[in-house]
Amino acid sequence: QVQLVESGGGLVQAGDSLRLSCRISGGTSSTYAMAWFRQAPGKDRDFVAAISFAQTYYTDSVKGRFSISRDNAKNTVYLQMNSLKPEDAAVYYCAARMGRAIVITTSLYNYWGQGTQVTVSS
């Protein structure tokens, strides 16, 4: 059974940086397309970034500020978040799906982590 465990969330000030981690167990991370989503209170869960082999993809609002990467030896995916804004505050979820395709739809991901809270004060 594949399990995803996120870590690295916290309370920061606007302009600060955070690095989220997502460790995969029960599977080999290199066989999955991985993504980060986020969900603010009262809102839908939205796509943030994805990585599949050598390809990455970002939602427009985080381009140039966030960077997704993976360390297959550690079975871990990272989301480096720089220049954080109050509107980035949300619960961030890691997700995995079999295959190479990068998709931004939540229903196409097979596995999810429990989420990690990111709070950004202005």
C-alpha atoms as a PDB file:
ATOM      1  CA  GLN A   1       0.000   0.000   0.000  1.00  0.00           C
ATOM      2  CA  VAL A   2       1.448   3.331  -1.065  1.00  0.00           C
ATOM      3  CA  GLN A   3       1.516   5.977   1.635  1.00  0.00           C
ATOM      4  CA  LEU A   4       2.482   9.627   1.372  1.00  0.00           C
ATOM      5  CA  VAL A   5       3.595  11.657   4.368  1.00  0.00           C
ATOM      6  CA  GLU A   6       4.061  15.418   4.101  1.00  0.00           C
ATOM      7  CA  SER A   7       6.130  17.587   6.381  1.00  0.00           C
ATOM      8  CA  GLY A   8       7.637  21.046   6.490  1.00  0.00           C
ATOM      9  CA  GLY A   9       4.615  23.271   6.892  1.00  0.00           C
ATOM     10  CA  GLY A  10       4.485  26.068   9.410  1.00  0.00           C
ATOM     11  CA  LEU A  11       3.849  29.727  10.156  1.00  0.00           C
ATOM     12  CA  VAL A  12       5.957  32.221   8.229  1.00  0.00           C
ATOM     13  CA  GLN A  13       5.839  35.880   7.313  1.00  0.00           C
ATOM     14  CA  ALA A  14       5.148  37.183   3.839  1.00  0.00           C
ATOM     15  CA  GLY A  15       8.330  37.028   1.775  1.00  0.00           C
ATOM     16  CA  ASP A  16       9.751  34.062   3.663  1.00  0.00           C
ATOM     17  CA  SER A  17      10.482  30.594   2.311  1.00  0.00           C
ATOM     18  CA  LEU A  18       9.446  27.075   3.241  1.00  0.00           C
ATOM     19  CA  ARG A  19      10.324  23.660   1.860  1.00  0.00           C
ATOM     20  CA  LEU A  20       7.693  20.962   1.987  1.00  0.00           C
ATOM     21  CA  SER A  21       8.641  17.304   1.794  1.00  0.00           C
ATOM     22  CA  CYS A  22       6.584  14.294   0.775  1.00  0.00           C
ATOM     23  CA  ARG A  23       7.995  10.868   1.524  1.00  0.00           C
ATOM     24  CA  ILE A  24       6.582   7.880  -0.325  1.00  0.00           C
ATOM     25  CA  SER A  25       6.469   4.463   1.268  1.00  0.00           C
ATOM     26  CA  GLY A  26       5.167   1.191  -0.125  1.00  0.00           C
ATOM     27  CA  GLY A  27       6.216   2.133  -3.620  1.00  0.00           C
ATOM     28  CA  THR A  28       9.036   3.542  -5.698  1.00  0.00           C
ATOM     29  CA  SER A  29       8.656   7.243  -6.262  1.00  0.00           C
ATOM     30  CA  SER A  30      10.274   7.139  -9.688  1.00  0.00           C
ATOM     31  CA  THR A  31       7.312   5.200 -11.085  1.00  0.00           C
ATOM     32  CA  TYR A  32       4.812   7.890 -10.127  1.00  0.00           C
ATOM     33  CA  ALA A  33       3.925  11.306 -11.368  1.00  0.00           C
ATOM     34  CA  MET A  34       3.852  13.462  -8.261  1.00  0.00           C
ATOM     35  CA  ALA A  35       2.029  16.681  -7.491  1.00  0.00           C
ATOM     36  CA  TRP A  36       1.262  19.228  -4.836  1.00  0.00           C
ATOM     37  CA  PHE A  37      -2.208  20.619  -4.318  1.00  0.00           C
ATOM     38  CA  ARG A  38      -3.474  23.112  -1.766  1.00  0.00           C
ATOM     39  CA  GLN A  39      -6.773  23.839  -0.131  1.00  0.00           C
ATOM     40  CA  ALA A  40      -7.700  27.008   1.705  1.00  0.00           C
ATOM     41  CA  PRO A  41     -10.690  27.096   4.082  1.00  0.00           C
ATOM     42  CA  GLY A  42     -13.961  27.040   2.188  1.00  0.00           C
ATOM     43  CA  LYS A  43     -12.281  26.562  -1.175  1.00  0.00           C
ATOM     44  CA  ASP A  44     -11.634  23.711  -3.565  1.00  0.00           C
ATOM     45  CA  ARG A  45      -8.415  21.743  -3.590  1.00  0.00           C
ATOM     46  CA  ASP A  46      -6.300  23.396  -6.275  1.00  0.00           C
ATOM     47  CA  PHE A  47      -3.332  22.224  -8.276  1.00  0.00           C
ATOM     48  CA  VAL A  48       0.015  23.826  -7.433  1.00  0.00           C
ATOM     49  CA  ALA A  49       2.818  21.900  -9.119  1.00  0.00           C
ATOM     50  CA  ALA A  50       3.656  18.510 -10.605  1.00  0.00           C
ATOM     51  CA  ILE A  51       6.687  16.527 -11.631  1.00  0.00           C
ATOM     52  CA  SER A  52       7.011  13.499 -13.848  1.00  0.00           C
ATOM     53  CA  PHE A  53      10.455  12.235 -14.736  1.00  0.00           C
ATOM     54  CA  ALA A  54      12.176  15.306 -16.197  1.00  0.00           C
ATOM     55  CA  GLN A  55       9.070  17.434 -16.642  1.00  0.00           C
ATOM     56  CA  THR A  56       7.598  19.959 -14.239  1.00  0.00           C
ATOM     57  CA  TYR A  57       4.459  22.051 -14.397  1.00  0.00           C
ATOM     58  CA  TYR A  58       3.165  24.891 -12.236  1.00  0.00           C
ATOM     59  CA  THR A  59       0.011  26.837 -11.807  1.00  0.00           C
ATOM     60  CA  ASP A  60       0.475  30.420 -12.956  1.00  0.00           C
ATOM     61  CA  SER A  61       0.243  31.986  -9.513  1.00  0.00           C
ATOM     62  CA  VAL A  62       3.366  30.185  -8.248  1.00  0.00           C
ATOM     63  CA  LYS A  63       5.568  30.256 -11.338  1.00  0.00           C
ATOM     64  CA  GLY A  64       8.945  31.775 -10.532  1.00  0.00           C
ATOM     65  CA  ARG A  65       8.384  31.390  -6.787  1.00  0.00           C
ATOM     66  CA  PHE A  66       7.832  27.664  -6.215  1.00  0.00           C
ATOM     67  CA  SER A  67       9.953  24.771  -7.393  1.00  0.00           C
ATOM     68  CA  ILE A  68       9.090  21.076  -7.334  1.00  0.00           C
ATOM     69  CA  SER A  69      11.815  18.449  -7.292  1.00  0.00           C
ATOM     70  CA  ARG A  70      12.338  14.834  -6.388  1.00  0.00           C
ATOM     71  CA  ASP A  71      15.056  12.687  -4.870  1.00  0.00           C
ATOM     72  CA  ASN A  72      14.344   9.160  -6.018  1.00  0.00           C
ATOM     73  CA  ALA A  73      17.049   7.720  -3.780  1.00  0.00           C
ATOM     74  CA  LYS A  74      15.123   9.091  -0.798  1.00  0.00           C
ATOM     75  CA  ASN A  75      11.680   8.398  -2.268  1.00  0.00           C
ATOM     76  CA  THR A  76      10.879  12.030  -1.541  1.00  0.00           C
ATOM     77  CA  VAL A  77       9.356  14.924  -3.438  1.00  0.00           C
ATOM     78  CA  TYR A  78       9.924  18.517  -2.404  1.00  0.00           C
ATOM     79  CA  LEU A  79       8.165  21.806  -2.903  1.00  0.00           C
ATOM     80  CA  GLN A  80      10.417  24.782  -2.369  1.00  0.00           C
ATOM     81  CA  MET A  81       8.282  27.847  -1.777  1.00  0.00           C
ATOM     82  CA  ASN A  82       9.914  31.269  -1.933  1.00  0.00           C
ATOM     83  CA  SER A  83       8.513  34.780  -1.628  1.00  0.00           C
ATOM     84  CA  LEU A  84       5.445  33.452   0.126  1.00  0.00           C
ATOM     85  CA  LYS A  85       2.299  35.555   0.078  1.00  0.00           C
ATOM     86  CA  PRO A  86      -0.709  35.505   2.408  1.00  0.00           C
ATOM     87  CA  GLU A  87      -2.762  34.021  -0.422  1.00  0.00           C
ATOM     88  CA  ASP A  88      -0.446  30.982  -0.436  1.00  0.00           C
ATOM     89  CA  ALA A  89      -1.774  30.002   2.980  1.00  0.00           C
ATOM     90  CA  ALA A  90      -3.528  26.636   2.823  1.00  0.00           C
ATOM     91  CA  VAL A  91      -3.232  22.989   3.661  1.00  0.00           C
ATOM     92  CA  TYR A  92      -0.806  21.513   1.148  1.00  0.00           C
ATOM     93  CA  TYR A  93      -1.327  17.960  -0.046  1.00  0.00           C
ATOM     94  CA  CYS A  94       1.044  15.631  -1.830  1.00  0.00           C
ATOM     95  CA  ALA A  95      -0.445  13.311  -4.446  1.00  0.00           C
ATOM     96  CA  ALA A  96       0.793  10.459  -6.630  1.00  0.00           C
ATOM     97  CA  ARG A  97      -0.441   8.700  -9.727  1.00  0.00           C
ATOM     98  CA  MET A  98       0.941   5.883 -11.817  1.00  0.00           C
ATOM     99  CA  GLY A  99       2.428   6.807 -15.163  1.00  0.00           C
ATOM    100  CA  ARG A 100       4.226   9.637 -16.860  1.00  0.00           C
ATOM    101  CA  ALA A 101       1.469  12.089 -17.618  1.00  0.00           C
ATOM    102  CA  ILE A 102       1.261  15.321 -15.678  1.00  0.00           C
ATOM    103  CA  VAL A 103      -2.337  16.081 -14.843  1.00  0.00           C
ATOM    104  CA  ILE A 104      -3.870  18.810 -12.728  1.00  0.00           C
ATOM    105  CA  THR A 105      -7.163  17.135 -11.828  1.00  0.00           C
ATOM    106  CA  THR A 106      -7.505  15.823  -8.290  1.00  0.00           C
ATOM    107  CA  SER A 107      -9.632  12.833  -9.306  1.00  0.00           C
ATOM    108  CA  LEU A 108      -6.829  11.421 -11.463  1.00  0.00           C
ATOM    109  CA  TYR A 109      -4.458  10.974  -8.532  1.00  0.00           C
ATOM    110  CA  ASN A 110      -4.518   7.638  -6.783  1.00  0.00           C
ATOM    111  CA  TYR A 111      -2.750   8.415  -3.526  1.00  0.00           C
ATOM    112  CA  TRP A 112      -2.840  11.365  -1.153  1.00  0.00           C
ATOM    113  CA  GLY A 113      -1.044  12.482   1.951  1.00  0.00           C
ATOM    114  CA  GLN A 114      -2.713  13.846   5.049  1.00  0.00           C
ATOM    115  CA  GLY A 115      -1.699  17.435   4.340  1.00  0.00           C
ATOM    116  CA  THR A 116       0.525  19.977   6.011  1.00  0.00           C
ATOM    117  CA  GLN A 117      -0.575  23.464   7.051  1.00  0.00           C
ATOM    118  CA  VAL A 118       1.127  26.538   5.638  1.00  0.00           C
ATOM    119  CA  THR A 119       0.235  29.855   7.252  1.00  0.00           C
ATOM    120  CA  VAL A 120       1.579  33.144   5.915  1.00  0.00           C
ATOM    121  CA  SER A 121       1.198  36.304   7.943  1.00  0.00           C
ATOM    122  CA  SER A 122       1.223  39.707   6.287  1.00  0.00           C
END
